[in-house]
Amino acid sequence: NQKQNHAPLLMIHGCATRSRNESLWCMNQLERVPLKTRIPALVRWMQGYIPNRDLLIVGFWTDWLCLDKVLEAAIASTEPRSVILVDPDPDETLEAKSPTLWKWAKERTNFIHIRSSGDTFLEELRWRVS
């Protein structure tokens, strides 16, 4: 609830610098502490924060079913102002990987799919913003 000089950035992914118990790697972790309690808190935060905001997602669709399930719970009931998805895969591949997330993005938001690698997109974004 404090004014910030920057837009919030939420990164959700595995991390090489955190312990295995602090990063989501497999479905079994969703039933064990600490993720069993931390993920529902994150879901509630996202559901309250995402509505009426622009959402930039880089590399959103994954082959990790556990991550897609967490994201579905967190955002499928939200309505951001817009969703910009950066992923090199074609629409059909993204839809096949995560039908629920694809339907949410296509039907409930102003949706833009930029077919680019995350590395390329983020490098250009940093150059333009810096």
N, C-alpha and C. Protein backbone atom coordinates (compact mmCIF):
# COMPACT_ATOMS: atom_id res chain seq x y z
N ASN A 1 0.81 -1.21 0.00
CA ASN A 1 0.00 0.00 0.00
C ASN A 1 0.85 1.26 0.00
N GLN A 2 2.12 1.14 -0.31
CA GLN A 2 2.98 2.31 -0.36
C GLN A 2 3.27 2.66 -1.81
N LYS A 3 3.36 3.96 -2.09
CA LYS A 3 3.68 4.40 -3.44
C LYS A 3 5.11 3.99 -3.76
N GLN A 4 5.30 3.43 -4.97
CA GLN A 4 6.61 3.00 -5.42
C GLN A 4 7.00 3.79 -6.66
N ASN A 5 8.30 3.91 -6.90
CA ASN A 5 8.79 4.61 -8.07
C ASN A 5 8.88 3.70 -9.29
N HIS A 6 8.44 2.48 -9.17
CA HIS A 6 8.51 1.52 -10.27
C HIS A 6 7.27 0.64 -10.26
N ALA A 7 7.00 0.04 -11.40
CA ALA A 7 5.89 -0.90 -11.49
C ALA A 7 6.30 -2.21 -10.82
N PRO A 8 5.36 -2.90 -10.18
CA PRO A 8 5.70 -4.15 -9.53
C PRO A 8 6.04 -5.23 -10.56
N LEU A 9 6.95 -6.08 -10.19
CA LEU A 9 7.37 -7.19 -11.04
C LEU A 9 7.32 -8.44 -10.19
N LEU A 10 6.56 -9.41 -10.60
CA LEU A 10 6.45 -10.66 -9.87
C LEU A 10 7.03 -11.76 -10.73
N MET A 11 8.07 -12.42 -10.23
CA MET A 11 8.69 -13.52 -10.96
C MET A 11 8.29 -14.83 -10.30
N ILE A 12 7.74 -15.73 -11.10
CA ILE A 12 7.32 -17.03 -10.59
C ILE A 12 8.03 -18.09 -11.41
N HIS A 13 9.01 -18.72 -10.82
CA HIS A 13 9.74 -19.77 -11.51
C HIS A 13 10.70 -20.43 -10.53
N GLY A 14 11.30 -21.51 -10.96
CA GLY A 14 12.33 -22.14 -10.16
C GLY A 14 13.55 -21.24 -10.12
N CYS A 15 14.37 -21.40 -9.11
CA CYS A 15 15.52 -20.51 -8.96
C CYS A 15 16.74 -21.31 -8.52
N ALA A 16 17.85 -21.10 -9.18
CA ALA A 16 19.08 -21.83 -8.86
C ALA A 16 19.71 -21.36 -7.55
N THR A 17 19.34 -20.19 -7.05
CA THR A 17 19.97 -19.69 -5.83
C THR A 17 19.14 -19.99 -4.58
N ARG A 18 17.96 -20.53 -4.73
CA ARG A 18 17.13 -20.88 -3.58
C ARG A 18 17.14 -22.39 -3.40
N SER A 19 16.80 -22.81 -2.21
CA SER A 19 16.76 -24.25 -1.97
C SER A 19 15.60 -24.88 -2.72
N ARG A 20 15.66 -26.19 -2.90
CA ARG A 20 14.58 -26.90 -3.61
C ARG A 20 13.25 -26.72 -2.90
N ASN A 21 13.26 -26.54 -1.59
CA ASN A 21 12.01 -26.37 -0.85
C ASN A 21 11.40 -24.99 -1.04
N GLU A 22 12.17 -24.05 -1.54
CA GLU A 22 11.66 -22.69 -1.74
C GLU A 22 11.23 -22.42 -3.18
N SER A 23 11.45 -23.37 -4.08
CA SER A 23 11.08 -23.22 -5.49
C SER A 23 10.17 -24.37 -5.89
N LEU A 24 9.25 -24.08 -6.79
CA LEU A 24 8.32 -25.10 -7.25
C LEU A 24 8.95 -25.94 -8.35
N TRP A 25 9.12 -27.23 -8.09
CA TRP A 25 9.74 -28.14 -9.05
C TRP A 25 8.82 -29.28 -9.45
N CYS A 26 7.94 -29.72 -8.53
CA CYS A 26 7.08 -30.87 -8.85
C CYS A 26 5.76 -30.78 -8.10
N MET A 27 4.78 -31.55 -8.56
CA MET A 27 3.43 -31.51 -7.99
C MET A 27 3.42 -31.88 -6.50
N ASN A 28 4.27 -32.81 -6.07
CA ASN A 28 4.27 -33.23 -4.66
C ASN A 28 4.55 -32.07 -3.71
N GLN A 29 5.30 -31.08 -4.15
CA GLN A 29 5.62 -29.95 -3.29
C GLN A 29 4.39 -29.13 -2.93
N LEU A 30 3.37 -29.17 -3.77
CA LEU A 30 2.17 -28.38 -3.52
C LEU A 30 1.44 -28.85 -2.27
N GLU A 31 1.73 -30.06 -1.81
CA GLU A 31 1.09 -30.62 -0.63
C GLU A 31 1.95 -30.53 0.62
N ARG A 32 3.16 -29.93 0.51
CA ARG A 32 4.08 -29.85 1.65
C ARG A 32 4.43 -28.40 1.98
N VAL A 33 4.65 -28.14 3.25
CA VAL A 33 5.13 -26.84 3.70
C VAL A 33 6.58 -26.72 3.24
N PRO A 34 7.06 -25.57 2.77
CA PRO A 34 6.45 -24.26 2.88
C PRO A 34 5.53 -23.87 1.73
N LEU A 35 5.62 -24.57 0.57
CA LEU A 35 4.83 -24.14 -0.59
C LEU A 35 3.33 -24.32 -0.37
N LYS A 36 2.94 -25.29 0.43
CA LYS A 36 1.52 -25.52 0.70
C LYS A 36 0.85 -24.28 1.27
N THR A 37 1.57 -23.50 2.05
CA THR A 37 1.00 -22.29 2.63
C THR A 37 1.36 -21.03 1.84
N ARG A 38 2.53 -21.02 1.22
CA ARG A 38 2.97 -19.82 0.50
C ARG A 38 2.21 -19.61 -0.81
N ILE A 39 1.95 -20.66 -1.54
CA ILE A 39 1.28 -20.51 -2.83
C ILE A 39 -0.15 -19.99 -2.68
N PRO A 40 -0.97 -20.51 -1.76
CA PRO A 40 -2.31 -19.91 -1.60
C PRO A 40 -2.26 -18.43 -1.25
N ALA A 41 -1.28 -18.01 -0.47
CA ALA A 41 -1.14 -16.59 -0.14
C ALA A 41 -0.80 -15.79 -1.39
N LEU A 42 0.07 -16.32 -2.24
CA LEU A 42 0.41 -15.66 -3.49
C LEU A 42 -0.79 -15.59 -4.42
N VAL A 43 -1.56 -16.66 -4.49
CA VAL A 43 -2.77 -16.69 -5.32
C VAL A 43 -3.74 -15.59 -4.88
N ARG A 44 -3.97 -15.48 -3.57
CA ARG A 44 -4.88 -14.43 -3.07
C ARG A 44 -4.36 -13.04 -3.42
N TRP A 45 -3.04 -12.83 -3.29
CA TRP A 45 -2.46 -11.54 -3.62
C TRP A 45 -2.68 -11.21 -5.09
N MET A 46 -2.41 -12.18 -5.97
CA MET A 46 -2.56 -11.96 -7.41
C MET A 46 -4.01 -11.68 -7.76
N GLN A 47 -4.94 -12.40 -7.16
CA GLN A 47 -6.35 -12.19 -7.46
C GLN A 47 -6.81 -10.80 -7.06
N GLY A 48 -6.22 -10.24 -6.03
CA GLY A 48 -6.57 -8.90 -5.61
C GLY A 48 -5.82 -7.81 -6.37
N TYR A 49 -4.67 -8.15 -6.91
CA TYR A 49 -3.81 -7.13 -7.53
C TYR A 49 -3.93 -7.04 -9.05
N ILE A 50 -4.21 -8.13 -9.73
CA ILE A 50 -4.22 -8.16 -11.19
C ILE A 50 -5.38 -7.42 -11.85
N PRO A 51 -6.59 -7.46 -11.29
CA PRO A 51 -7.70 -6.80 -12.00
C PRO A 51 -7.39 -5.35 -12.37
N ASN A 52 -7.75 -4.99 -13.60
CA ASN A 52 -7.57 -3.65 -14.16
C ASN A 52 -6.11 -3.21 -14.28
N ARG A 53 -5.21 -4.16 -14.40
CA ARG A 53 -3.81 -3.85 -14.63
C ARG A 53 -3.36 -4.52 -15.92
N ASP A 54 -2.27 -4.01 -16.48
CA ASP A 54 -1.67 -4.63 -17.67
C ASP A 54 -0.72 -5.71 -17.19
N LEU A 55 -0.78 -6.85 -17.83
CA LEU A 55 0.00 -8.00 -17.42
C LEU A 55 0.92 -8.43 -18.55
N LEU A 56 2.24 -8.36 -18.33
CA LEU A 56 3.23 -8.81 -19.29
C LEU A 56 3.76 -10.15 -18.81
N ILE A 57 3.62 -11.16 -19.63
CA ILE A 57 4.04 -12.52 -19.26
C ILE A 57 5.06 -12.98 -20.27
N VAL A 58 6.27 -13.29 -19.80
CA VAL A 58 7.36 -13.72 -20.67
C VAL A 58 7.58 -15.21 -20.45
N GLY A 59 7.35 -16.01 -21.51
CA GLY A 59 7.53 -17.44 -21.39
C GLY A 59 6.49 -18.09 -20.50
N PHE A 60 5.25 -17.69 -20.64
CA PHE A 60 4.17 -18.10 -19.76
C PHE A 60 3.82 -19.57 -19.86
N TRP A 61 3.62 -20.04 -21.06
CA TRP A 61 3.20 -21.43 -21.23
C TRP A 61 4.42 -22.33 -21.07
N THR A 62 4.29 -23.31 -20.21
CA THR A 62 5.44 -24.15 -19.91
C THR A 62 5.08 -25.61 -20.12
N ASP A 63 6.07 -26.45 -20.02
CA ASP A 63 5.85 -27.89 -20.01
C ASP A 63 5.73 -28.41 -18.58
N TRP A 64 5.77 -27.51 -17.62
CA TRP A 64 5.68 -27.90 -16.22
C TRP A 64 4.23 -27.81 -15.78
N LEU A 65 3.55 -28.93 -15.73
CA LEU A 65 2.14 -28.97 -15.36
C LEU A 65 1.91 -28.34 -13.99
N CYS A 66 2.83 -28.57 -13.04
CA CYS A 66 2.64 -28.03 -11.70
C CYS A 66 2.59 -26.50 -11.72
N LEU A 67 3.45 -25.86 -12.50
CA LEU A 67 3.46 -24.40 -12.57
C LEU A 67 2.20 -23.89 -13.26
N ASP A 68 1.78 -24.54 -14.34
CA ASP A 68 0.55 -24.13 -15.02
C ASP A 68 -0.65 -24.22 -14.09
N LYS A 69 -0.72 -25.25 -13.27
CA LYS A 69 -1.85 -25.41 -12.34
C LYS A 69 -1.88 -24.28 -11.31
N VAL A 70 -0.73 -23.90 -10.80
CA VAL A 70 -0.66 -22.79 -9.84
C VAL A 70 -1.09 -21.50 -10.52
N LEU A 71 -0.60 -21.26 -11.73
CA LEU A 71 -0.98 -20.04 -12.44
C LEU A 71 -2.47 -20.02 -12.78
N GLU A 72 -3.02 -21.17 -13.15
CA GLU A 72 -4.45 -21.23 -13.42
C GLU A 72 -5.25 -20.81 -12.19
N ALA A 73 -4.87 -21.31 -11.03
CA ALA A 73 -5.58 -20.96 -9.80
C ALA A 73 -5.43 -19.48 -9.46
N ALA A 74 -4.28 -18.93 -9.79
CA ALA A 74 -4.00 -17.54 -9.43
C ALA A 74 -4.65 -16.54 -10.36
N ILE A 75 -4.70 -16.83 -11.65
CA ILE A 75 -5.14 -15.79 -12.57
C ILE A 75 -6.40 -16.09 -13.36
N ALA A 76 -6.85 -17.33 -13.39
CA ALA A 76 -7.99 -17.66 -14.25
C ALA A 76 -9.27 -16.94 -13.83
N SER A 77 -9.36 -16.48 -12.58
CA SER A 77 -10.56 -15.77 -12.14
C SER A 77 -10.35 -14.25 -12.14
N THR A 78 -9.23 -13.77 -12.67
CA THR A 78 -8.96 -12.34 -12.68
C THR A 78 -9.23 -11.75 -14.07
N GLU A 79 -9.40 -10.45 -14.12
CA GLU A 79 -9.61 -9.76 -15.38
C GLU A 79 -8.69 -8.56 -15.47
N PRO A 80 -7.46 -8.80 -15.92
CA PRO A 80 -6.55 -7.66 -16.12
C PRO A 80 -7.02 -6.81 -17.28
N ARG A 81 -6.52 -5.60 -17.35
CA ARG A 81 -6.87 -4.71 -18.46
C ARG A 81 -6.36 -5.28 -19.78
N SER A 82 -5.14 -5.83 -19.77
CA SER A 82 -4.60 -6.46 -20.97
C SER A 82 -3.58 -7.52 -20.58
N VAL A 83 -3.36 -8.46 -21.50
CA VAL A 83 -2.35 -9.50 -21.32
C VAL A 83 -1.47 -9.49 -22.55
N ILE A 84 -0.17 -9.31 -22.34
CA ILE A 84 0.81 -9.40 -23.41
C ILE A 84 1.66 -10.63 -23.12
N LEU A 85 1.60 -11.60 -24.00
CA LEU A 85 2.33 -12.85 -23.83
C LEU A 85 3.50 -12.89 -24.80
N VAL A 86 4.70 -13.08 -24.28
CA VAL A 86 5.89 -13.21 -25.11
C VAL A 86 6.31 -14.68 -25.07
N ASP A 87 6.15 -15.35 -26.20
CA ASP A 87 6.49 -16.77 -26.30
C ASP A 87 6.64 -17.09 -27.78
N PRO A 88 7.72 -17.79 -28.17
CA PRO A 88 7.95 -18.05 -29.60
C PRO A 88 7.03 -19.09 -30.21
N ASP A 89 6.35 -19.88 -29.39
CA ASP A 89 5.49 -20.94 -29.94
C ASP A 89 4.26 -20.37 -30.63
N PRO A 90 3.75 -21.11 -31.64
CA PRO A 90 2.51 -20.68 -32.30
C PRO A 90 1.31 -20.86 -31.37
N ASP A 91 0.22 -20.19 -31.69
CA ASP A 91 -0.99 -20.24 -30.86
C ASP A 91 -1.43 -21.66 -30.57
N GLU A 92 -1.43 -22.51 -31.57
CA GLU A 92 -1.92 -23.88 -31.42
C GLU A 92 -1.12 -24.64 -30.37
N THR A 93 0.19 -24.45 -30.34
CA THR A 93 1.05 -25.13 -29.37
C THR A 93 0.76 -24.63 -27.96
N LEU A 94 0.60 -23.32 -27.81
CA LEU A 94 0.31 -22.76 -26.50
C LEU A 94 -1.04 -23.23 -25.98
N GLU A 95 -2.02 -23.30 -26.86
CA GLU A 95 -3.34 -23.78 -26.46
C GLU A 95 -3.27 -25.24 -26.02
N ALA A 96 -2.51 -26.06 -26.72
CA ALA A 96 -2.38 -27.47 -26.38
C ALA A 96 -1.66 -27.65 -25.04
N LYS A 97 -0.66 -26.81 -24.76
CA LYS A 97 0.09 -26.93 -23.51
C LYS A 97 -0.75 -26.56 -22.30
N SER A 98 -1.59 -25.56 -22.44
CA SER A 98 -2.39 -25.11 -21.30
C SER A 98 -3.73 -24.55 -21.77
N PRO A 99 -4.69 -25.42 -22.03
CA PRO A 99 -5.99 -24.97 -22.54
C PRO A 99 -6.70 -23.96 -21.63
N THR A 100 -6.62 -24.15 -20.33
CA THR A 100 -7.31 -23.24 -19.41
C THR A 100 -6.71 -21.84 -19.47
N LEU A 101 -5.39 -21.73 -19.45
CA LEU A 101 -4.75 -20.42 -19.52
C LEU A 101 -4.97 -19.76 -20.88
N TRP A 102 -4.93 -20.56 -21.93
CA TRP A 102 -5.17 -20.01 -23.27
C TRP A 102 -6.58 -19.43 -23.37
N LYS A 103 -7.55 -20.17 -22.88
CA LYS A 103 -8.95 -19.71 -22.93
C LYS A 103 -9.10 -18.42 -22.12
N TRP A 104 -8.49 -18.38 -20.94
CA TRP A 104 -8.56 -17.18 -20.10
C TRP A 104 -7.98 -15.98 -20.83
N ALA A 105 -6.82 -16.16 -21.44
CA ALA A 105 -6.15 -15.05 -22.13
C ALA A 105 -6.96 -14.58 -23.34
N LYS A 106 -7.45 -15.51 -24.13
CA LYS A 106 -8.15 -15.17 -25.38
C LYS A 106 -9.54 -14.59 -25.16
N GLU A 107 -10.26 -15.09 -24.17
CA GLU A 107 -11.68 -14.73 -24.03
C GLU A 107 -11.96 -13.61 -23.03
N ARG A 108 -11.08 -13.37 -22.08
CA ARG A 108 -11.43 -12.45 -21.01
C ARG A 108 -10.58 -11.17 -21.00
N THR A 109 -9.68 -11.02 -21.93
CA THR A 109 -8.78 -9.86 -21.85
C THR A 109 -8.45 -9.33 -23.23
N ASN A 110 -7.87 -8.15 -23.26
CA ASN A 110 -7.26 -7.62 -24.47
C ASN A 110 -5.92 -8.35 -24.59
N PHE A 111 -5.83 -9.29 -25.50
CA PHE A 111 -4.71 -10.23 -25.56
C PHE A 111 -3.82 -9.98 -26.77
N ILE A 112 -2.50 -9.94 -26.53
CA ILE A 112 -1.52 -9.81 -27.61
C ILE A 112 -0.47 -10.90 -27.41
N HIS A 113 -0.23 -11.68 -28.45
CA HIS A 113 0.80 -12.72 -28.41
C HIS A 113 1.96 -12.26 -29.28
N ILE A 114 3.11 -12.01 -28.66
CA ILE A 114 4.31 -11.62 -29.38
C ILE A 114 5.17 -12.87 -29.53
N ARG A 115 5.34 -13.32 -30.77
CA ARG A 115 6.12 -14.53 -31.02
C ARG A 115 7.60 -14.18 -31.05
N SER A 116 8.20 -14.26 -29.87
CA SER A 116 9.62 -13.92 -29.70
C SER A 116 10.14 -14.70 -28.51
N SER A 117 11.44 -14.93 -28.48
CA SER A 117 12.03 -15.55 -27.29
C SER A 117 12.04 -14.51 -26.17
N GLY A 118 11.97 -14.99 -24.96
CA GLY A 118 12.02 -14.09 -23.82
C GLY A 118 13.33 -13.32 -23.75
N ASP A 119 14.44 -13.99 -24.07
CA ASP A 119 15.75 -13.33 -24.05
C ASP A 119 15.78 -12.13 -24.99
N THR A 120 15.33 -12.35 -26.23
CA THR A 120 15.34 -11.27 -27.22
C THR A 120 14.43 -10.13 -26.80
N PHE A 121 13.24 -10.46 -26.35
CA PHE A 121 12.27 -9.45 -25.95
C PHE A 121 12.79 -8.63 -24.76
N LEU A 122 13.30 -9.33 -23.73
CA LEU A 122 13.77 -8.62 -22.54
C LEU A 122 14.99 -7.77 -22.82
N GLU A 123 15.86 -8.23 -23.72
CA GLU A 123 17.04 -7.43 -24.09
C GLU A 123 16.58 -6.13 -24.74
N GLU A 124 15.64 -6.21 -25.65
CA GLU A 124 15.15 -4.98 -26.31
C GLU A 124 14.40 -4.10 -25.32
N LEU A 125 13.62 -4.70 -24.45
CA LEU A 125 12.89 -3.92 -23.44
C LEU A 125 13.87 -3.16 -22.54
N ARG A 126 14.91 -3.84 -22.07
CA ARG A 126 15.91 -3.17 -21.23
C ARG A 126 16.58 -2.02 -21.99
N TRP A 127 16.89 -2.24 -23.26
CA TRP A 127 17.55 -1.20 -24.06
C TRP A 127 16.64 0.01 -24.21
N ARG A 128 15.36 -0.23 -24.47
CA ARG A 128 14.43 0.88 -24.67
C ARG A 128 14.11 1.63 -23.37
N VAL A 129 14.03 0.90 -22.27
CA VAL A 129 13.65 1.51 -20.99
C VAL A 129 14.84 2.17 -20.31
N SER A 130 16.04 1.63 -20.50
CA SER A 130 17.23 2.15 -19.81
C SER A 130 17.66 3.49 -20.35
